[in-house]
Each structure stands twice: as structure tokens, then as C-alpha cells.
Amino acid sequence: MSYYQLRDVVYSNRLVEAFGNDIELTDDQGHAIVYRLLKEFQLGAQGYAVLQSDADPHGEVEIFRISTSAEGTPELETIEDDDEWENISELYDELTLPDAIDEP
């Protein structure tokens, strides 16, 4: 896993073009949950999406990798690697709260 910095972020819109700003996902119990797409960006060749549940707009955000299906449709994947998730989460914080981050 490469570690990225804020300057490496390139905004993208593949999910918005495919699904719009609201994305419906299915939880482990088979229930549909609507999420709002907050940010979508590329880091190197990998895309990421930050989603917020419409049911809990003040709760934690969900961060996913964006992959492409065999048919060319964007898909969301859970980030399994803890280091990757932490790096992307910190970058999202910097994107949304740039004044709250202290530079060393």
C-alpha cells in the first residue's frame, strides 16, 4: 500500500455519472440503505468513495474502494487493509477539515 498525501488526490465522478448522488446498498440482513455520496476521488490508479447514510446524517462516514465490473460498471468494495483504510480516512479528514490539521 502506498501512502498518499493531500496533493495526490484527484477528484472524479464515475459513481455520480453511473448512479447519481444517492447510492442504495444492501446490508448484511438484506435491507436496502440509501447513502449520499460525499466525495469521490482517485489516488494513483485506485478510486475511493466516501458515503454517508441518509438514515444517520450525523454518524460516521463509510469509505469504499471503487472497482470496475467486467461490464464496465463501477462497484464499491470494502477496504480490508487497516493501513489503507486509515490513510484514506485521514486524507478525507484533511479534505473536509483542512484548517483542523496541524502541519508538522
PDB file of N, CA and C in Angstrom:
ATOM      1  N   MET A   1       0.849  -1.182   0.000  1.00  0.00           N
ATOM      2  CA  MET A   1       0.000   0.000   0.000  1.00  0.00           C
ATOM      3  C   MET A   1       0.881   1.227   0.000  1.00  0.00           C
ATOM      4  N   SER A   2       0.665   2.079  -0.959  1.00  0.00           N
ATOM      5  CA  SER A   2       1.347   3.363  -0.998  1.00  0.00           C
ATOM      6  C   SER A   2       0.646   4.313  -0.042  1.00  0.00           C
ATOM      7  N   TYR A   3       1.417   5.166   0.591  1.00  0.00           N
ATOM      8  CA  TYR A   3       0.819   6.175   1.455  1.00  0.00           C
ATOM      9  C   TYR A   3       0.729   7.471   0.688  1.00  0.00           C
ATOM     10  N   TYR A   4      -0.470   8.020   0.649  1.00  0.00           N
ATOM     11  CA  TYR A   4      -0.739   9.203  -0.142  1.00  0.00           C
ATOM     12  C   TYR A   4      -0.898  10.421   0.744  1.00  0.00           C
ATOM     13  N   GLN A   5      -0.720  11.576   0.103  1.00  0.00           N
ATOM     14  CA  GLN A   5      -0.902  12.851   0.771  1.00  0.00           C
ATOM     15  C   GLN A   5      -1.986  13.634   0.047  1.00  0.00           C
ATOM     16  N   LEU A   6      -2.404  14.723   0.640  1.00  0.00           N
ATOM     17  CA  LEU A   6      -3.480  15.534   0.093  1.00  0.00           C
ATOM     18  C   LEU A   6      -3.208  15.962  -1.344  1.00  0.00           C
ATOM     19  N   ARG A   7      -1.977  16.262  -1.656  1.00  0.00           N
ATOM     20  CA  ARG A   7      -1.638  16.722  -3.015  1.00  0.00           C
ATOM     21  C   ARG A   7      -1.822  15.620  -4.067  1.00  0.00           C
ATOM     22  N   ASP A   8      -1.945  14.364  -3.633  1.00  0.00           N
ATOM     23  CA  ASP A   8      -2.123  13.241  -4.556  1.00  0.00           C
ATOM     24  C   ASP A   8      -3.585  13.023  -4.965  1.00  0.00           C
ATOM     25  N   VAL A   9      -4.517  13.678  -4.286  1.00  0.00           N
ATOM     26  CA  VAL A   9      -5.949  13.476  -4.529  1.00  0.00           C
ATOM     27  C   VAL A   9      -6.365  14.117  -5.852  1.00  0.00           C
ATOM     28  N   VAL A  10      -7.064  13.326  -6.682  1.00  0.00           N
ATOM     29  CA  VAL A  10      -7.655  13.817  -7.931  1.00  0.00           C
ATOM     30  C   VAL A  10      -9.145  13.482  -7.857  1.00  0.00           C
ATOM     31  N   TYR A  11      -9.980  14.507  -7.888  1.00  0.00           N
ATOM     32  CA  TYR A  11     -11.428  14.273  -7.811  1.00  0.00           C
ATOM     33  C   TYR A  11     -11.929  13.579  -9.067  1.00  0.00           C
ATOM     34  N   SER A  12     -12.934  12.723  -8.893  1.00  0.00           N
ATOM     35  CA  SER A  12     -13.526  12.004 -10.017  1.00  0.00           C
ATOM     36  C   SER A  12     -15.044  11.995  -9.859  1.00  0.00           C
ATOM     37  N   ASN A  13     -15.741  11.471 -10.869  1.00  0.00           N
ATOM     38  CA  ASN A  13     -17.205  11.457 -10.811  1.00  0.00           C
ATOM     39  C   ASN A  13     -17.816  10.215 -11.461  1.00  0.00           C
ATOM     40  N   ARG A  14     -17.107   9.104 -11.455  1.00  0.00           N
ATOM     41  CA  ARG A  14     -17.618   7.873 -12.061  1.00  0.00           C
ATOM     42  C   ARG A  14     -18.912   7.401 -11.412  1.00  0.00           C
ATOM     43  N   LEU A  15     -18.976   7.439 -10.078  1.00  0.00           N
ATOM     44  CA  LEU A  15     -20.180   6.980  -9.377  1.00  0.00           C
ATOM     45  C   LEU A  15     -21.357   7.913  -9.624  1.00  0.00           C
ATOM     46  N   VAL A  16     -21.106   9.214  -9.604  1.00  0.00           N
ATOM     47  CA  VAL A  16     -22.183  10.177  -9.868  1.00  0.00           C
ATOM     48  C   VAL A  16     -22.753   9.953 -11.258  1.00  0.00           C
ATOM     49  N   GLU A  17     -21.873   9.755 -12.233  1.00  0.00           N
ATOM     50  CA  GLU A  17     -22.339   9.515 -13.602  1.00  0.00           C
ATOM     51  C   GLU A  17     -23.145   8.223 -13.711  1.00  0.00           C
ATOM     52  N   ALA A  18     -22.746   7.189 -12.963  1.00  0.00           N
ATOM     53  CA  ALA A  18     -23.417   5.889 -13.051  1.00  0.00           C
ATOM     54  C   ALA A  18     -24.689   5.810 -12.200  1.00  0.00           C
ATOM     55  N   PHE A  19     -24.659   6.423 -10.999  1.00  0.00           N
ATOM     56  CA  PHE A  19     -25.751   6.215 -10.045  1.00  0.00           C
ATOM     57  C   PHE A  19     -26.391   7.494  -9.510  1.00  0.00           C
ATOM     58  N   GLY A  20     -25.786   8.639  -9.720  1.00  0.00           N
ATOM     59  CA  GLY A  20     -26.268   9.878  -9.114  1.00  0.00           C
ATOM     60  C   GLY A  20     -25.650  10.067  -7.741  1.00  0.00           C
ATOM     61  N   ASN A  21     -26.162  11.029  -6.981  1.00  0.00           N
ATOM     62  CA  ASN A  21     -25.607  11.336  -5.659  1.00  0.00           C
ATOM     63  C   ASN A  21     -26.097  10.408  -4.557  1.00  0.00           C
ATOM     64  N   ASP A  22     -27.201   9.708  -4.795  1.00  0.00           N
ATOM     65  CA  ASP A  22     -27.733   8.768  -3.814  1.00  0.00           C
ATOM     66  C   ASP A  22     -27.484   7.348  -4.301  1.00  0.00           C
ATOM     67  N   ILE A  23     -26.862   6.553  -3.429  1.00  0.00           N
ATOM     68  CA  ILE A  23     -26.493   5.183  -3.783  1.00  0.00           C
ATOM     69  C   ILE A  23     -27.149   4.234  -2.784  1.00  0.00           C
ATOM     70  N   GLU A  24     -27.851   3.235  -3.291  1.00  0.00           N
ATOM     71  CA  GLU A  24     -28.521   2.261  -2.435  1.00  0.00           C
ATOM     72  C   GLU A  24     -27.645   1.025  -2.293  1.00  0.00           C
ATOM     73  N   LEU A  25     -27.325   0.687  -1.040  1.00  0.00           N
ATOM     74  CA  LEU A  25     -26.540  -0.508  -0.735  1.00  0.00           C
ATOM     75  C   LEU A  25     -27.391  -1.447   0.108  1.00  0.00           C
ATOM     76  N   THR A  26     -27.018  -2.709   0.133  1.00  0.00           N
ATOM     77  CA  THR A  26     -27.729  -3.715   0.915  1.00  0.00           C
ATOM     78  C   THR A  26     -26.855  -4.136   2.084  1.00  0.00           C
ATOM     79  N   ASP A  27     -27.417  -4.123   3.304  1.00  0.00           N
ATOM     80  CA  ASP A  27     -26.650  -4.529   4.477  1.00  0.00           C
ATOM     81  C   ASP A  27     -26.626  -6.053   4.604  1.00  0.00           C
ATOM     82  N   ASP A  28     -25.983  -6.547   5.661  1.00  0.00           N
ATOM     83  CA  ASP A  28     -25.824  -7.991   5.869  1.00  0.00           C
ATOM     84  C   ASP A  28     -27.153  -8.722   6.051  1.00  0.00           C
ATOM     85  N   GLN A  29     -28.194  -8.004   6.485  1.00  0.00           N
ATOM     86  CA  GLN A  29     -29.506  -8.614   6.688  1.00  0.00           C
ATOM     87  C   GLN A  29     -30.394  -8.488   5.451  1.00  0.00           C
ATOM     88  N   GLY A  30     -29.860  -7.932   4.367  1.00  0.00           N
ATOM     89  CA  GLY A  30     -30.618  -7.800   3.135  1.00  0.00           C
ATOM     90  C   GLY A  30     -31.476  -6.550   3.042  1.00  0.00           C
ATOM     91  N   HIS A  31     -31.302  -5.618   3.981  1.00  0.00           N
ATOM     92  CA  HIS A  31     -32.073  -4.374   3.970  1.00  0.00           C
ATOM     93  C   HIS A  31     -31.375  -3.327   3.105  1.00  0.00           C
ATOM     94  N   ALA A  32     -32.152  -2.614   2.319  1.00  0.00           N
ATOM     95  CA  ALA A  32     -31.610  -1.540   1.481  1.00  0.00           C
ATOM     96  C   ALA A  32     -31.396  -0.291   2.328  1.00  0.00           C
ATOM     97  N   ILE A  33     -30.223   0.317   2.178  1.00  0.00           N
ATOM     98  CA  ILE A  33     -29.886   1.553   2.880  1.00  0.00           C
ATOM     99  C   ILE A  33     -29.419   2.556   1.837  1.00  0.00           C
ATOM    100  N   VAL A  34     -29.977   3.758   1.892  1.00  0.00           N
ATOM    101  CA  VAL A  34     -29.596   4.807   0.948  1.00  0.00           C
ATOM    102  C   VAL A  34     -28.471   5.633   1.562  1.00  0.00           C
ATOM    103  N   TYR A  35     -27.428   5.835   0.776  1.00  0.00           N
ATOM    104  CA  TYR A  35     -26.282   6.644   1.175  1.00  0.00           C
ATOM    105  C   TYR A  35     -26.145   7.818   0.223  1.00  0.00           C
ATOM    106  N   ARG A  36     -25.659   8.920   0.751  1.00  0.00           N
ATOM    107  CA  ARG A  36     -25.333  10.083  -0.070  1.00  0.00           C
ATOM    108  C   ARG A  36     -23.833  10.040  -0.346  1.00  0.00           C
ATOM    109  N   LEU A  37     -23.471  10.244  -1.602  1.00  0.00           N
ATOM    110  CA  LEU A  37     -22.068  10.283  -1.999  1.00  0.00           C
ATOM    111  C   LEU A  37     -21.495  11.641  -1.604  1.00  0.00           C
ATOM    112  N   LEU A  38     -20.551  11.645  -0.664  1.00  0.00           N
ATOM    113  CA  LEU A  38     -19.956  12.893  -0.188  1.00  0.00           C
ATOM    114  C   LEU A  38     -18.736  13.293  -1.000  1.00  0.00           C
ATOM    115  N   LYS A  39     -17.853  12.345  -1.252  1.00  0.00           N
ATOM    116  CA  LYS A  39     -16.632  12.603  -2.019  1.00  0.00           C
ATOM    117  C   LYS A  39     -16.291  11.369  -2.825  1.00  0.00           C
ATOM    118  N   GLU A  40     -15.696  11.622  -3.970  1.00  0.00           N
ATOM    119  CA  GLU A  40     -15.198  10.552  -4.835  1.00  0.00           C
ATOM    120  C   GLU A  40     -13.879  11.044  -5.405  1.00  0.00           C
ATOM    121  N   PHE A  41     -12.828  10.234  -5.256  1.00  0.00           N
ATOM    122  CA  PHE A  41     -11.519  10.685  -5.709  1.00  0.00           C
ATOM    123  C   PHE A  41     -10.620   9.517  -6.067  1.00  0.00           C
ATOM    124  N   GLN A  42      -9.575   9.832  -6.801  1.00  0.00           N
ATOM    125  CA  GLN A  42      -8.561   8.864  -7.217  1.00  0.00           C
ATOM    126  C   GLN A  42      -7.279   9.146  -6.454  1.00  0.00           C
ATOM    127  N   LEU A  43      -6.585   8.092  -6.107  1.00  0.00           N
ATOM    128  CA  LEU A  43      -5.231   8.154  -5.573  1.00  0.00           C
ATOM    129  C   LEU A  43      -4.432   7.149  -6.379  1.00  0.00           C
ATOM    130  N   GLY A  44      -3.572   7.655  -7.246  1.00  0.00           N
ATOM    131  CA  GLY A  44      -2.908   6.766  -8.185  1.00  0.00           C
ATOM    132  C   GLY A  44      -3.960   6.152  -9.090  1.00  0.00           C
ATOM    133  N   ALA A  45      -3.914   4.839  -9.257  1.00  0.00           N
ATOM    134  CA  ALA A  45      -4.872   4.145 -10.125  1.00  0.00           C
ATOM    135  C   ALA A  45      -6.127   3.693  -9.378  1.00  0.00           C
ATOM    136  N   GLN A  46      -6.174   3.915  -8.059  1.00  0.00           N
ATOM    137  CA  GLN A  46      -7.290   3.424  -7.247  1.00  0.00           C
ATOM    138  C   GLN A  46      -8.286   4.533  -6.938  1.00  0.00           C
ATOM    139  N   GLY A  47      -9.578   4.240  -7.129  1.00  0.00           N
ATOM    140  CA  GLY A  47     -10.632   5.183  -6.781  1.00  0.00           C
ATOM    141  C   GLY A  47     -11.210   4.874  -5.412  1.00  0.00           C
ATOM    142  N   TYR A  48     -11.700   5.924  -4.746  1.00  0.00           N
ATOM    143  CA  TYR A  48     -12.314   5.791  -3.426  1.00  0.00           C
ATOM    144  C   TYR A  48     -13.586   6.616  -3.369  1.00  0.00           C
ATOM    145  N   ALA A  49     -14.526   6.170  -2.540  1.00  0.00           N
ATOM    146  CA  ALA A  49     -15.780   6.886  -2.345  1.00  0.00           C
ATOM    147  C   ALA A  49     -16.056   7.007  -0.851  1.00  0.00           C
ATOM    148  N   VAL A  50     -16.564   8.168  -0.461  1.00  0.00           N
ATOM    149  CA  VAL A  50     -16.963   8.415   0.921  1.00  0.00           C
ATOM    150  C   VAL A  50     -18.475   8.624   0.914  1.00  0.00           C
ATOM    151  N   LEU A  51     -19.182   7.774   1.670  1.00  0.00           N
ATOM    152  CA  LEU A  51     -20.642   7.794   1.696  1.00  0.00           C
ATOM    153  C   LEU A  51     -21.152   8.076   3.102  1.00  0.00           C
ATOM    154  N   GLN A  52     -22.328   8.704   3.183  1.00  0.00           N
ATOM    155  CA  GLN A  52     -22.990   9.000   4.456  1.00  0.00           C
ATOM    156  C   GLN A  52     -24.404   8.447   4.391  1.00  0.00           C
ATOM    157  N   SER A  53     -24.797   7.685   5.387  1.00  0.00           N
ATOM    158  CA  SER A  53     -26.148   7.117   5.430  1.00  0.00           C
ATOM    159  C   SER A  53     -27.185   8.226   5.562  1.00  0.00           C
ATOM    160  N   ASP A  54     -28.232   8.177   4.731  1.00  0.00           N
ATOM    161  CA  ASP A  54     -29.336   9.132   4.856  1.00  0.00           C
ATOM    162  C   ASP A  54     -30.057   8.949   6.187  1.00  0.00           C
ATOM    163  N   ALA A  55     -30.058   7.730   6.716  1.00  0.00           N
ATOM    164  CA  ALA A  55     -30.736   7.440   7.978  1.00  0.00           C
ATOM    165  C   ALA A  55     -29.990   8.030   9.175  1.00  0.00           C
ATOM    166  N   ASP A  56     -28.688   8.272   9.034  1.00  0.00           N
ATOM    167  CA  ASP A  56     -27.871   8.803  10.131  1.00  0.00           C
ATOM    168  C   ASP A  56     -26.915   9.856   9.574  1.00  0.00           C
ATOM    169  N   PRO A  57     -27.438  11.032   9.188  1.00  0.00           N
ATOM    170  CA  PRO A  57     -26.605  12.033   8.517  1.00  0.00           C
ATOM    171  C   PRO A  57     -25.510  12.645   9.390  1.00  0.00           C
ATOM    172  N   HIS A  58     -25.545  12.404  10.697  1.00  0.00           N
ATOM    173  CA  HIS A  58     -24.504  12.935  11.577  1.00  0.00           C
ATOM    174  C   HIS A  58     -23.594  11.831  12.106  1.00  0.00           C
ATOM    175  N   GLY A  59     -23.787  10.611  11.610  1.00  0.00           N
ATOM    176  CA  GLY A  59     -22.987   9.475  12.045  1.00  0.00           C
ATOM    177  C   GLY A  59     -21.679   9.380  11.272  1.00  0.00           C
ATOM    178  N   GLU A  60     -21.000   8.290  11.482  1.00  0.00           N
ATOM    179  CA  GLU A  60     -19.731   8.045  10.804  1.00  0.00           C
ATOM    180  C   GLU A  60     -19.942   7.872   9.305  1.00  0.00           C
ATOM    181  N   VAL A  61     -18.945   8.260   8.542  1.00  0.00           N
ATOM    182  CA  VAL A  61     -18.988   8.034   7.099  1.00  0.00           C
ATOM    183  C   VAL A  61     -18.451   6.641   6.799  1.00  0.00           C
ATOM    184  N   GLU A  62     -18.798   6.139   5.637  1.00  0.00           N
ATOM    185  CA  GLU A  62     -18.298   4.855   5.145  1.00  0.00           C
ATOM    186  C   GLU A  62     -17.347   5.143   3.992  1.00  0.00           C
ATOM    187  N   ILE A  63     -16.218   4.464   3.976  1.00  0.00           N
ATOM    188  CA  ILE A  63     -15.222   4.658   2.922  1.00  0.00           C
ATOM    189  C   ILE A  63     -15.060   3.345   2.167  1.00  0.00           C
ATOM    190  N   PHE A  64     -15.131   3.422   0.844  1.00  0.00           N
ATOM    191  CA  PHE A  64     -15.047   2.245  -0.013  1.00  0.00           C
ATOM    192  C   PHE A  64     -14.021   2.453  -1.117  1.00  0.00           C
ATOM    193  N   ARG A  65     -13.498   1.340  -1.611  1.00  0.00           N
ATOM    194  CA  ARG A  65     -12.717   1.346  -2.847  1.00  0.00           C
ATOM    195  C   ARG A  65     -13.701   1.276  -4.002  1.00  0.00           C
ATOM    196  N   ILE A  66     -13.337   1.890  -5.120  1.00  0.00           N
ATOM    197  CA  ILE A  66     -14.145   1.788  -6.328  1.00  0.00           C
ATOM    198  C   ILE A  66     -13.416   0.854  -7.284  1.00  0.00           C
ATOM    199  N   SER A  67     -14.113  -0.188  -7.715  1.00  0.00           N
ATOM    200  CA  SER A  67     -13.567  -1.102  -8.716  1.00  0.00           C
ATOM    201  C   SER A  67     -14.487  -1.053  -9.933  1.00  0.00           C
ATOM    202  N   THR A  68     -14.128  -1.791 -10.956  1.00  0.00           N
ATOM    203  CA  THR A  68     -14.933  -1.825 -12.175  1.00  0.00           C
ATOM    204  C   THR A  68     -15.317  -3.268 -12.471  1.00  0.00           C
ATOM    205  N   SER A  69     -16.607  -3.502 -12.706  1.00  0.00           N
ATOM    206  CA  SER A  69     -17.088  -4.848 -13.026  1.00  0.00           C
ATOM    207  C   SER A  69     -16.638  -5.234 -14.429  1.00  0.00           C
ATOM    208  N   ALA A  70     -16.841  -6.493 -14.783  1.00  0.00           N
ATOM    209  CA  ALA A  70     -16.497  -6.973 -16.127  1.00  0.00           C
ATOM    210  C   ALA A  70     -17.282  -6.226 -17.197  1.00  0.00           C
ATOM    211  N   GLU A  71     -18.461  -5.716 -16.824  1.00  0.00           N
ATOM    212  CA  GLU A  71     -19.300  -4.964 -17.768  1.00  0.00           C
ATOM    213  C   GLU A  71     -18.916  -3.491 -17.840  1.00  0.00           C
ATOM    214  N   GLY A  72     -17.949  -3.070 -17.008  1.00  0.00           N
ATOM    215  CA  GLY A  72     -17.506  -1.680 -17.018  1.00  0.00           C
ATOM    216  C   GLY A  72     -18.240  -0.770 -16.052  1.00  0.00           C
ATOM    217  N   THR A  73     -19.093  -1.339 -15.204  1.00  0.00           N
ATOM    218  CA  THR A  73     -19.850  -0.554 -14.229  1.00  0.00           C
ATOM    219  C   THR A  73     -19.030  -0.377 -12.955  1.00  0.00           C
ATOM    220  N   PRO A  74     -19.010   0.823 -12.376  1.00  0.00           N
ATOM    221  CA  PRO A  74     -18.304   0.994 -11.101  1.00  0.00           C
ATOM    222  C   PRO A  74     -18.997   0.211  -9.988  1.00  0.00           C
ATOM    223  N   GLU A  75     -18.189  -0.359  -9.103  1.00  0.00           N
ATOM    224  CA  GLU A  75     -18.689  -1.113  -7.952  1.00  0.00           C
ATOM    225  C   GLU A  75     -17.940  -0.662  -6.712  1.00  0.00           C
ATOM    226  N   LEU A  76     -18.565  -0.810  -5.557  1.00  0.00           N
ATOM    227  CA  LEU A  76     -17.930  -0.460  -4.291  1.00  0.00           C
ATOM    228  C   LEU A  76     -17.439  -1.719  -3.596  1.00  0.00           C
ATOM    229  N   GLU A  77     -16.248  -1.612  -3.005  1.00  0.00           N
ATOM    230  CA  GLU A  77     -15.642  -2.720  -2.260  1.00  0.00           C
ATOM    231  C   GLU A  77     -15.244  -2.225  -0.882  1.00  0.00           C
ATOM    232  N   THR A  78     -15.413  -3.072   0.111  1.00  0.00           N
ATOM    233  CA  THR A  78     -14.936  -2.763   1.449  1.00  0.00           C
ATOM    234  C   THR A  78     -13.413  -2.728   1.444  1.00  0.00           C
ATOM    235  N   ILE A  79     -12.838  -1.794   2.174  1.00  0.00           N
ATOM    236  CA  ILE A  79     -11.381  -1.730   2.314  1.00  0.00           C
ATOM    237  C   ILE A  79     -10.998  -2.675   3.445  1.00  0.00           C
ATOM    238  N   GLU A  80     -10.309  -3.752   3.108  1.00  0.00           N
ATOM    239  CA  GLU A  80      -9.944  -4.777   4.085  1.00  0.00           C
ATOM    240  C   GLU A  80      -8.658  -4.439   4.845  1.00  0.00           C
ATOM    241  N   ASP A  81      -7.752  -3.732   4.203  1.00  0.00           N
ATOM    242  CA  ASP A  81      -6.453  -3.416   4.795  1.00  0.00           C
ATOM    243  C   ASP A  81      -6.590  -2.232   5.754  1.00  0.00           C
ATOM    244  N   ASP A  82      -6.249  -2.442   7.033  1.00  0.00           N
ATOM    245  CA  ASP A  82      -6.387  -1.389   8.043  1.00  0.00           C
ATOM    246  C   ASP A  82      -5.531  -0.165   7.735  1.00  0.00           C
ATOM    247  N   ASP A  83      -4.312  -0.381   7.254  1.00  0.00           N
ATOM    248  CA  ASP A  83      -3.426   0.744   6.937  1.00  0.00           C
ATOM    249  C   ASP A  83      -3.982   1.572   5.784  1.00  0.00           C
ATOM    250  N   GLU A  84      -4.494   0.901   4.766  1.00  0.00           N
ATOM    251  CA  GLU A  84      -5.090   1.614   3.638  1.00  0.00           C
ATOM    252  C   GLU A  84      -6.299   2.423   4.112  1.00  0.00           C
ATOM    253  N   TRP A  85      -7.183   1.792   4.902  1.00  0.00           N
ATOM    254  CA  TRP A  85      -8.369   2.491   5.393  1.00  0.00           C
ATOM    255  C   TRP A  85      -7.973   3.716   6.209  1.00  0.00           C
ATOM    256  N   GLU A  86      -6.997   3.569   7.079  1.00  0.00           N
ATOM    257  CA  GLU A  86      -6.546   4.682   7.925  1.00  0.00           C
ATOM    258  C   GLU A  86      -5.995   5.823   7.081  1.00  0.00           C
ATOM    259  N   ASN A  87      -5.189   5.504   6.075  1.00  0.00           N
ATOM    260  CA  ASN A  87      -4.620   6.525   5.191  1.00  0.00           C
ATOM    261  C   ASN A  87      -5.722   7.284   4.460  1.00  0.00           C
ATOM    262  N   ILE A  88      -6.690   6.574   3.903  1.00  0.00           N
ATOM    263  CA  ILE A  88      -7.774   7.212   3.151  1.00  0.00           C
ATOM    264  C   ILE A  88      -8.667   8.015   4.095  1.00  0.00           C
ATOM    265  N   SER A  89      -8.927   7.502   5.268  1.00  0.00           N
ATOM    266  CA  SER A  89      -9.733   8.209   6.259  1.00  0.00           C
ATOM    267  C   SER A  89      -9.075   9.529   6.665  1.00  0.00           C
ATOM    268  N   GLU A  90      -7.774   9.502   6.900  1.00  0.00           N
ATOM    269  CA  GLU A  90      -7.049  10.722   7.259  1.00  0.00           C
ATOM    270  C   GLU A  90      -7.062  11.730   6.112  1.00  0.00           C
ATOM    271  N   LEU A  91      -6.910  11.254   4.888  1.00  0.00           N
ATOM    272  CA  LEU A  91      -6.974  12.159   3.737  1.00  0.00           C
ATOM    273  C   LEU A  91      -8.358  12.790   3.620  1.00  0.00           C
ATOM    274  N   TYR A  92      -9.403  12.013   3.843  1.00  0.00           N
ATOM    275  CA  TYR A  92     -10.755  12.571   3.794  1.00  0.00           C
ATOM    276  C   TYR A  92     -10.917  13.653   4.862  1.00  0.00           C
ATOM    277  N   ASP A  93     -10.400  13.407   6.061  1.00  0.00           N
ATOM    278  CA  ASP A  93     -10.454  14.428   7.109  1.00  0.00           C
ATOM    279  C   ASP A  93      -9.755  15.705   6.654  1.00  0.00           C
ATOM    280  N   GLU A  94      -8.605  15.568   6.016  1.00  0.00           N
ATOM    281  CA  GLU A  94      -7.884  16.737   5.519  1.00  0.00           C
ATOM    282  C   GLU A  94      -8.669  17.460   4.425  1.00  0.00           C
ATOM    283  N   LEU A  95      -9.366  16.702   3.580  1.00  0.00           N
ATOM    284  CA  LEU A  95     -10.171  17.314   2.522  1.00  0.00           C
ATOM    285  C   LEU A  95     -11.334  18.119   3.092  1.00  0.00           C
ATOM    286  N   THR A  96     -11.901  17.647   4.183  1.00  0.00           N
ATOM    287  CA  THR A  96     -13.096  18.286   4.731  1.00  0.00           C
ATOM    288  C   THR A  96     -12.796  19.254   5.863  1.00  0.00           C
ATOM    289  N   LEU A  97     -11.672  19.080   6.536  1.00  0.00           N
ATOM    290  CA  LEU A  97     -11.307  19.939   7.665  1.00  0.00           C
ATOM    291  C   LEU A  97      -9.865  20.428   7.527  1.00  0.00           C
ATOM    292  N   PRO A  98      -9.510  21.110   6.445  1.00  0.00           N
ATOM    293  CA  PRO A  98      -8.106  21.453   6.220  1.00  0.00           C
ATOM    294  C   PRO A  98      -7.500  22.332   7.302  1.00  0.00           C
ATOM    295  N   ASP A  99      -8.293  23.172   7.956  1.00  0.00           N
ATOM    296  CA  ASP A  99      -7.746  24.048   8.989  1.00  0.00           C
ATOM    297  C   ASP A  99      -7.543  23.330  10.316  1.00  0.00           C
ATOM    298  N   ALA A 100      -8.162  22.166  10.472  1.00  0.00           N
ATOM    299  CA  ALA A 100      -8.061  21.431  11.730  1.00  0.00           C
ATOM    300  C   ALA A 100      -6.825  20.543  11.782  1.00  0.00           C
ATOM    301  N   ILE A 101      -6.119  20.410  10.673  1.00  0.00           N
ATOM    302  CA  ILE A 101      -4.943  19.548  10.613  1.00  0.00           C
ATOM    303  C   ILE A 101      -3.694  20.397  10.813  1.00  0.00           C
ATOM    304  N   ASP A 102      -2.890  20.025  11.791  1.00  0.00           N
ATOM    305  CA  ASP A 102      -1.634  20.740  12.033  1.00  0.00           C
ATOM    306  C   ASP A 102      -0.542  20.157  11.170  1.00  0.00           C
ATOM    307  N   GLU A 103       0.177  21.012  10.489  1.00  0.00           N
ATOM    308  CA  GLU A 103       1.324  20.571   9.697  1.00  0.00           C
ATOM    309  C   GLU A 103       2.513  20.405  10.638  1.00  0.00           C
ATOM    310  N   PRO A 104       3.316  19.360  10.461  1.00  0.00           N
ATOM    311  CA  PRO A 104       4.496  19.178  11.333  1.00  0.00           C
ATOM    312  C   PRO A 104       5.559  20.214  11.042  1.00  0.00           C
TER     313      PRO A 104
END
